[in-house]
Amino acid sequence: MSQVVVVVGAGSIGQAVARRVSVGKTVLLADLRPENAEAAAKALSDAGYDARTTTVDVSSRGSVEALVAYAAALGEVTGLIQAEGVSPSQAPIEAILEVDLYGTALLLEAFGNVVAKGGSGVVISSQSGHRMAPLTIEQNRQLAITPVDELLDLPFLQRVRCRIRSTPISFPSAAMDCACRRKLCAGADAAPASTRSAPASS
């Protein structure tokens, strides 16, 4: 049975890690944008790797579960490389939380159910995590024990949007201008849970 390494986020970082750990294995490249996965697959195939592609929206449980099923059908899943993420220059804070936090937790949970004995995973950290104050012990505990589908409902995450520093260039959308950010922060304690819309790909 073939061993499978799944790369989520088919950018340069994901490809670089895959090249080091996927020799002799099937590499499944998954990205929100099919053209990104296809371009990465061509580069790896030209270098001698057995590369396959698929699409995935990591903010969608159904999409992630479909990815897991496809990977398991290809062979024994021995590796997960989570390199999908967005930054304030690409997306609003809601999408950052949906992709970088919820999406990563969802991938780890889903692939944890199928990964082979001795398998491993690597998560490429988001720079967005350095745009806010350090988490407290209690906040870290909540992130560790809260069920995946309840993560974005944590009260302190509703206030994270106000602590992530950005510039007008980082958020070119009119929806995230200064006036809107002030309004968002004013109502942060009562902000509703995210709608988990489709994220921008890195």
C-alpha atoms as a PDB file:
ATOM      1  CA  MET A   1       0.000   0.000   0.000  1.00  0.00           C
ATOM      2  CA  SER A   2       1.297   3.442  -0.925  1.00  0.00           C
ATOM      3  CA  GLN A   3       2.164   5.902   1.816  1.00  0.00           C
ATOM      4  CA  VAL A   4       0.497   9.294   1.460  1.00  0.00           C
ATOM      5  CA  VAL A   5       1.653  12.732   2.571  1.00  0.00           C
ATOM      6  CA  VAL A   6      -1.058  15.395   2.461  1.00  0.00           C
ATOM      7  CA  VAL A   7      -0.005  18.988   1.824  1.00  0.00           C
ATOM      8  CA  VAL A   8      -2.701  21.548   2.620  1.00  0.00           C
ATOM      9  CA  GLY A   9      -1.773  24.875   1.058  1.00  0.00           C
ATOM     10  CA  ALA A  10       0.189  24.300  -2.125  1.00  0.00           C
ATOM     11  CA  GLY A  11       2.494  27.299  -1.816  1.00  0.00           C
ATOM     12  CA  SER A  12       6.282  27.400  -1.639  1.00  0.00           C
ATOM     13  CA  ILE A  13       6.537  26.477   2.046  1.00  0.00           C
ATOM     14  CA  GLY A  14       4.302  23.434   1.720  1.00  0.00           C
ATOM     15  CA  GLN A  15       6.184  22.273  -1.353  1.00  0.00           C
ATOM     16  CA  ALA A  16       9.560  22.711   0.347  1.00  0.00           C
ATOM     17  CA  VAL A  17       8.528  20.571   3.307  1.00  0.00           C
ATOM     18  CA  ALA A  18       6.998  17.955   1.007  1.00  0.00           C
ATOM     19  CA  ARG A  19      10.234  17.628  -0.950  1.00  0.00           C
ATOM     20  CA  ARG A  20      12.099  16.732   2.259  1.00  0.00           C
ATOM     21  CA  VAL A  21       9.655  14.155   3.638  1.00  0.00           C
ATOM     22  CA  SER A  22       7.836  12.636   0.652  1.00  0.00           C
ATOM     23  CA  VAL A  23      10.465  10.748  -1.339  1.00  0.00           C
ATOM     24  CA  GLY A  24       8.947   7.458  -2.497  1.00  0.00           C
ATOM     25  CA  LYS A  25       5.483   8.461  -1.270  1.00  0.00           C
ATOM     26  CA  THR A  26       2.329   9.820  -2.883  1.00  0.00           C
ATOM     27  CA  VAL A  27       1.964  13.560  -2.334  1.00  0.00           C
ATOM     28  CA  LEU A  28      -1.606  14.860  -2.216  1.00  0.00           C
ATOM     29  CA  LEU A  29      -1.671  18.630  -2.747  1.00  0.00           C
ATOM     30  CA  ALA A  30      -4.840  20.326  -1.540  1.00  0.00           C
ATOM     31  CA  ASP A  31      -5.626  24.002  -1.991  1.00  0.00           C
ATOM     32  CA  LEU A  32      -8.662  26.261  -2.138  1.00  0.00           C
ATOM     33  CA  ARG A  33      -7.620  27.265  -5.652  1.00  0.00           C
ATOM     34  CA  PRO A  34      -7.217  24.302  -8.054  1.00  0.00           C
ATOM     35  CA  GLU A  35      -4.696  26.185 -10.163  1.00  0.00           C
ATOM     36  CA  ASN A  36      -2.355  26.471  -7.165  1.00  0.00           C
ATOM     37  CA  ALA A  37      -2.479  22.738  -6.540  1.00  0.00           C
ATOM     38  CA  GLU A  38      -1.970  21.934 -10.222  1.00  0.00           C
ATOM     39  CA  ALA A  39       1.058  24.217 -10.498  1.00  0.00           C
ATOM     40  CA  ALA A  40       2.612  22.669  -7.387  1.00  0.00           C
ATOM     41  CA  ALA A  41       1.880  19.161  -8.652  1.00  0.00           C
ATOM     42  CA  LYS A  42       3.629  19.889 -11.934  1.00  0.00           C
ATOM     43  CA  ALA A  43       6.709  21.188 -10.133  1.00  0.00           C
ATOM     44  CA  LEU A  44       6.868  18.123  -7.878  1.00  0.00           C
ATOM     45  CA  SER A  45       6.088  15.707 -10.715  1.00  0.00           C
ATOM     46  CA  ASP A  46       8.886  17.213 -12.792  1.00  0.00           C
ATOM     47  CA  ALA A  47      11.194  16.539  -9.845  1.00  0.00           C
ATOM     48  CA  GLY A  48      10.181  12.876  -9.742  1.00  0.00           C
ATOM     49  CA  TYR A  49       7.450  12.861  -7.101  1.00  0.00           C
ATOM     50  CA  ASP A  50       4.099  11.061  -7.431  1.00  0.00           C
ATOM     51  CA  ALA A  51       1.821  14.082  -7.011  1.00  0.00           C
ATOM     52  CA  ARG A  52      -1.985  14.249  -6.946  1.00  0.00           C
ATOM     53  CA  THR A  53      -4.278  17.246  -6.465  1.00  0.00           C
ATOM     54  CA  THR A  54      -7.613  18.172  -4.967  1.00  0.00           C
ATOM     55  CA  THR A  55      -9.394  21.238  -3.637  1.00  0.00           C
ATOM     56  CA  VAL A  56     -10.202  21.962  -0.010  1.00  0.00           C
ATOM     57  CA  ASP A  57     -11.740  24.749   2.042  1.00  0.00           C
ATOM     58  CA  VAL A  58     -10.281  24.255   5.506  1.00  0.00           C
ATOM     59  CA  SER A  59     -13.020  26.373   7.079  1.00  0.00           C
ATOM     60  CA  SER A  60     -15.598  23.762   5.983  1.00  0.00           C
ATOM     61  CA  ARG A  61     -15.929  20.500   7.910  1.00  0.00           C
ATOM     62  CA  GLY A  62     -17.518  18.772   4.925  1.00  0.00           C
ATOM     63  CA  SER A  63     -14.662  19.823   2.651  1.00  0.00           C
ATOM     64  CA  VAL A  64     -12.005  18.649   5.117  1.00  0.00           C
ATOM     65  CA  GLU A  65     -13.761  15.310   5.638  1.00  0.00           C
ATOM     66  CA  ALA A  66     -13.860  14.812   1.854  1.00  0.00           C
ATOM     67  CA  LEU A  67     -10.109  15.503   1.736  1.00  0.00           C
ATOM     68  CA  VAL A  68      -9.464  12.938   4.467  1.00  0.00           C
ATOM     69  CA  ALA A  69     -11.543  10.326   2.638  1.00  0.00           C
ATOM     70  CA  TYR A  70      -9.689  10.936  -0.628  1.00  0.00           C
ATOM     71  CA  ALA A  71      -6.294  10.746   1.071  1.00  0.00           C
ATOM     72  CA  ALA A  72      -7.198   7.499   2.830  1.00  0.00           C
ATOM     73  CA  ALA A  73      -8.390   6.024  -0.474  1.00  0.00           C
ATOM     74  CA  LEU A  74      -4.968   6.705  -2.006  1.00  0.00           C
ATOM     75  CA  GLY A  75      -3.135   4.725   0.640  1.00  0.00           C
ATOM     76  CA  GLU A  76      -1.796   4.858   4.184  1.00  0.00           C
ATOM     77  CA  VAL A  77      -1.746   8.453   5.418  1.00  0.00           C
ATOM     78  CA  THR A  78       1.614   8.927   7.108  1.00  0.00           C
ATOM     79  CA  GLY A  79       2.011  12.688   7.013  1.00  0.00           C
ATOM     80  CA  LEU A  80       0.115  15.967   7.125  1.00  0.00           C
ATOM     81  CA  ILE A  81       1.692  19.300   6.201  1.00  0.00           C
ATOM     82  CA  GLN A  82      -0.621  22.166   7.117  1.00  0.00           C
ATOM     83  CA  ALA A  83       0.699  25.211   5.266  1.00  0.00           C
ATOM     84  CA  GLU A  84      -2.626  26.890   4.493  1.00  0.00           C
ATOM     85  CA  GLY A  85      -3.127  30.293   6.061  1.00  0.00           C
ATOM     86  CA  VAL A  86      -4.091  33.897   5.501  1.00  0.00           C
ATOM     87  CA  SER A  87      -2.728  37.157   6.873  1.00  0.00           C
ATOM     88  CA  PRO A  88      -4.133  40.663   7.369  1.00  0.00           C
ATOM     89  CA  SER A  89      -2.791  41.617   3.947  1.00  0.00           C
ATOM     90  CA  GLN A  90      -5.055  38.981   2.389  1.00  0.00           C
ATOM     91  CA  ALA A  91      -8.236  38.776   4.424  1.00  0.00           C
ATOM     92  CA  PRO A  92     -10.266  40.283   7.297  1.00  0.00           C
ATOM     93  CA  ILE A  93      -9.772  39.075  10.852  1.00  0.00           C
ATOM     94  CA  GLU A  94     -12.810  36.783  10.694  1.00  0.00           C
ATOM     95  CA  ALA A  95     -11.266  34.825   7.818  1.00  0.00           C
ATOM     96  CA  ILE A  96      -7.915  34.648   9.619  1.00  0.00           C
ATOM     97  CA  LEU A  97      -9.582  32.971  12.601  1.00  0.00           C
ATOM     98  CA  GLU A  98     -11.604  30.655  10.365  1.00  0.00           C
ATOM     99  CA  VAL A  99      -8.573  29.464   8.397  1.00  0.00           C
ATOM    100  CA  ASP A 100      -5.584  29.755  10.727  1.00  0.00           C
ATOM    101  CA  LEU A 101      -7.301  28.642  13.949  1.00  0.00           C
ATOM    102  CA  TYR A 102     -10.481  26.712  13.159  1.00  0.00           C
ATOM    103  CA  GLY A 103      -9.144  25.231   9.922  1.00  0.00           C
ATOM    104  CA  THR A 104      -5.940  23.995  11.526  1.00  0.00           C
ATOM    105  CA  ALA A 105      -7.777  22.477  14.497  1.00  0.00           C
ATOM    106  CA  LEU A 106     -10.239  20.803  12.122  1.00  0.00           C
ATOM    107  CA  LEU A 107      -7.445  19.302  10.000  1.00  0.00           C
ATOM    108  CA  LEU A 108      -5.624  17.940  13.046  1.00  0.00           C
ATOM    109  CA  GLU A 109      -8.814  16.420  14.424  1.00  0.00           C
ATOM    110  CA  ALA A 110      -9.891  14.856  11.115  1.00  0.00           C
ATOM    111  CA  PHE A 111      -6.504  13.475  10.101  1.00  0.00           C
ATOM    112  CA  GLY A 112      -5.841  12.318  13.647  1.00  0.00           C
ATOM    113  CA  ASN A 113      -8.582   9.754  13.109  1.00  0.00           C
ATOM    114  CA  VAL A 114      -6.901   8.158  10.079  1.00  0.00           C
ATOM    115  CA  VAL A 115      -3.162   8.754  10.329  1.00  0.00           C
ATOM    116  CA  ALA A 116      -1.094   5.584  10.339  1.00  0.00           C
ATOM    117  CA  LYS A 117       0.873   4.416  13.372  1.00  0.00           C
ATOM    118  CA  GLY A 118       4.124   6.325  13.431  1.00  0.00           C
ATOM    119  CA  GLY A 119       2.682   9.067  11.216  1.00  0.00           C
ATOM    120  CA  SER A 120       3.391  12.720  11.855  1.00  0.00           C
ATOM    121  CA  GLY A 121       2.319  16.211  11.004  1.00  0.00           C
ATOM    122  CA  VAL A 122       3.728  19.707  10.806  1.00  0.00           C
ATOM    123  CA  VAL A 123       1.853  22.990  11.080  1.00  0.00           C
ATOM    124  CA  ILE A 124       3.372  26.150   9.640  1.00  0.00           C
ATOM    125  CA  SER A 125       2.571  28.882  12.138  1.00  0.00           C
ATOM    126  CA  SER A 126       0.782  32.039  11.059  1.00  0.00           C
ATOM    127  CA  GLN A 127       2.432  35.442  11.413  1.00  0.00           C
ATOM    128  CA  SER A 128      -0.977  36.719  12.515  1.00  0.00           C
ATOM    129  CA  GLY A 129      -0.388  35.088  15.894  1.00  0.00           C
ATOM    130  CA  HIS A 130       2.271  37.714  16.607  1.00  0.00           C
ATOM    131  CA  ARG A 131      -0.099  40.645  16.090  1.00  0.00           C
ATOM    132  CA  MET A 132      -1.774  40.309  19.471  1.00  0.00           C
ATOM    133  CA  ALA A 133      -0.769  40.119  23.111  1.00  0.00           C
ATOM    134  CA  PRO A 134       0.394  36.755  24.520  1.00  0.00           C
ATOM    135  CA  LEU A 135      -2.451  34.469  25.608  1.00  0.00           C
ATOM    136  CA  THR A 136      -3.110  33.827  29.285  1.00  0.00           C
ATOM    137  CA  ILE A 137      -2.850  30.374  30.828  1.00  0.00           C
ATOM    138  CA  GLU A 138      -6.642  30.168  30.908  1.00  0.00           C
ATOM    139  CA  GLN A 139      -6.981  31.191  27.261  1.00  0.00           C
ATOM    140  CA  ASN A 140      -4.450  28.535  26.249  1.00  0.00           C
ATOM    141  CA  ARG A 141      -6.390  25.981  28.287  1.00  0.00           C
ATOM    142  CA  GLN A 142      -9.621  26.936  26.539  1.00  0.00           C
ATOM    143  CA  LEU A 143      -8.011  26.560  23.113  1.00  0.00           C
ATOM    144  CA  ALA A 144      -6.674  23.139  24.112  1.00  0.00           C
ATOM    145  CA  ILE A 145      -9.918  21.628  25.421  1.00  0.00           C
ATOM    146  CA  THR A 146     -12.697  23.374  23.498  1.00  0.00           C
ATOM    147  CA  PRO A 147     -14.339  21.202  20.816  1.00  0.00           C
ATOM    148  CA  VAL A 148     -13.297  22.293  17.315  1.00  0.00           C
ATOM    149  CA  ASP A 149     -16.740  23.464  16.261  1.00  0.00           C
ATOM    150  CA  GLU A 150     -17.004  25.687  19.344  1.00  0.00           C
ATOM    151  CA  LEU A 151     -13.586  27.353  19.044  1.00  0.00           C
ATOM    152  CA  LEU A 152     -14.763  30.472  17.229  1.00  0.00           C
ATOM    153  CA  ASP A 153     -17.445  31.036  19.881  1.00  0.00           C
ATOM    154  CA  LEU A 154     -14.893  31.563  22.663  1.00  0.00           C
ATOM    155  CA  PRO A 155     -15.552  35.028  24.167  1.00  0.00           C
ATOM    156  CA  PHE A 156     -11.910  36.110  24.152  1.00  0.00           C
ATOM    157  CA  LEU A 157     -11.662  35.394  20.427  1.00  0.00           C
ATOM    158  CA  GLN A 158     -14.475  37.836  19.807  1.00  0.00           C
ATOM    159  CA  ARG A 159     -12.136  40.500  21.166  1.00  0.00           C
ATOM    160  CA  VAL A 160      -9.021  39.361  19.285  1.00  0.00           C
ATOM    161  CA  ARG A 161     -10.147  41.389  16.262  1.00  0.00           C
ATOM    162  CA  CYS A 162      -9.585  44.557  18.245  1.00  0.00           C
ATOM    163  CA  ARG A 163      -6.090  43.591  19.280  1.00  0.00           C
ATOM    164  CA  ILE A 164      -4.741  42.637  15.873  1.00  0.00           C
ATOM    165  CA  ARG A 165      -2.992  45.711  14.577  1.00  0.00           C
ATOM    166  CA  SER A 166      -3.316  46.547  10.913  1.00  0.00           C
ATOM    167  CA  THR A 167      -2.917  49.475   8.564  1.00  0.00           C
ATOM    168  CA  PRO A 168      -5.260  50.777   5.837  1.00  0.00           C
ATOM    169  CA  ILE A 169      -2.959  49.007   3.345  1.00  0.00           C
ATOM    170  CA  SER A 170      -3.338  45.714   5.185  1.00  0.00           C
ATOM    171  CA  PHE A 171      -7.108  45.945   4.938  1.00  0.00           C
ATOM    172  CA  PRO A 172      -7.879  47.644   1.612  1.00  0.00           C
ATOM    173  CA  SER A 173     -11.549  46.713   1.794  1.00  0.00           C
ATOM    174  CA  ALA A 174     -13.853  49.553   2.720  1.00  0.00           C
ATOM    175  CA  ALA A 175     -15.550  47.151   5.111  1.00  0.00           C
ATOM    176  CA  MET A 176     -12.446  47.163   7.285  1.00  0.00           C
ATOM    177  CA  ASP A 177     -11.686  50.867   7.365  1.00  0.00           C
ATOM    178  CA  CYS A 178     -11.051  52.705  10.625  1.00  0.00           C
ATOM    179  CA  ALA A 179     -14.690  53.557  11.267  1.00  0.00           C
ATOM    180  CA  CYS A 180     -15.761  49.936  10.855  1.00  0.00           C
ATOM    181  CA  ARG A 181     -12.970  48.670  13.097  1.00  0.00           C
ATOM    182  CA  ARG A 182     -14.048  51.084  15.846  1.00  0.00           C
ATOM    183  CA  LYS A 183     -17.639  49.883  15.526  1.00  0.00           C
ATOM    184  CA  LEU A 184     -16.538  46.240  15.585  1.00  0.00           C
ATOM    185  CA  CYS A 185     -14.441  46.736  18.698  1.00  0.00           C
ATOM    186  CA  ALA A 186     -17.211  48.609  20.473  1.00  0.00           C
ATOM    187  CA  GLY A 187     -19.460  45.592  20.151  1.00  0.00           C
ATOM    188  CA  ALA A 188     -16.826  42.889  20.407  1.00  0.00           C
ATOM    189  CA  ASP A 189     -18.105  41.389  23.656  1.00  0.00           C
ATOM    190  CA  ALA A 190     -21.480  40.755  22.065  1.00  0.00           C
ATOM    191  CA  ALA A 191     -20.232  39.863  18.596  1.00  0.00           C
ATOM    192  CA  PRO A 192     -21.915  36.818  17.031  1.00  0.00           C
ATOM    193  CA  ALA A 193     -20.020  33.717  15.993  1.00  0.00           C
ATOM    194  CA  SER A 194     -18.372  33.787  12.597  1.00  0.00           C
ATOM    195  CA  THR A 195     -20.332  32.702   9.548  1.00  0.00           C
ATOM    196  CA  ARG A 196     -17.254  30.788   8.306  1.00  0.00           C
ATOM    197  CA  SER A 197     -17.266  32.126   4.770  1.00  0.00           C
ATOM    198  CA  ALA A 198     -14.793  30.808   2.198  1.00  0.00           C
ATOM    199  CA  PRO A 199     -11.276  32.145   2.961  1.00  0.00           C
ATOM    200  CA  ALA A 200      -8.693  33.640   0.691  1.00  0.00           C
ATOM    201  CA  SER A 201      -5.882  31.227  -0.081  1.00  0.00           C
ATOM    202  CA  SER A 202      -2.278  31.951   0.814  1.00  0.00           C
END
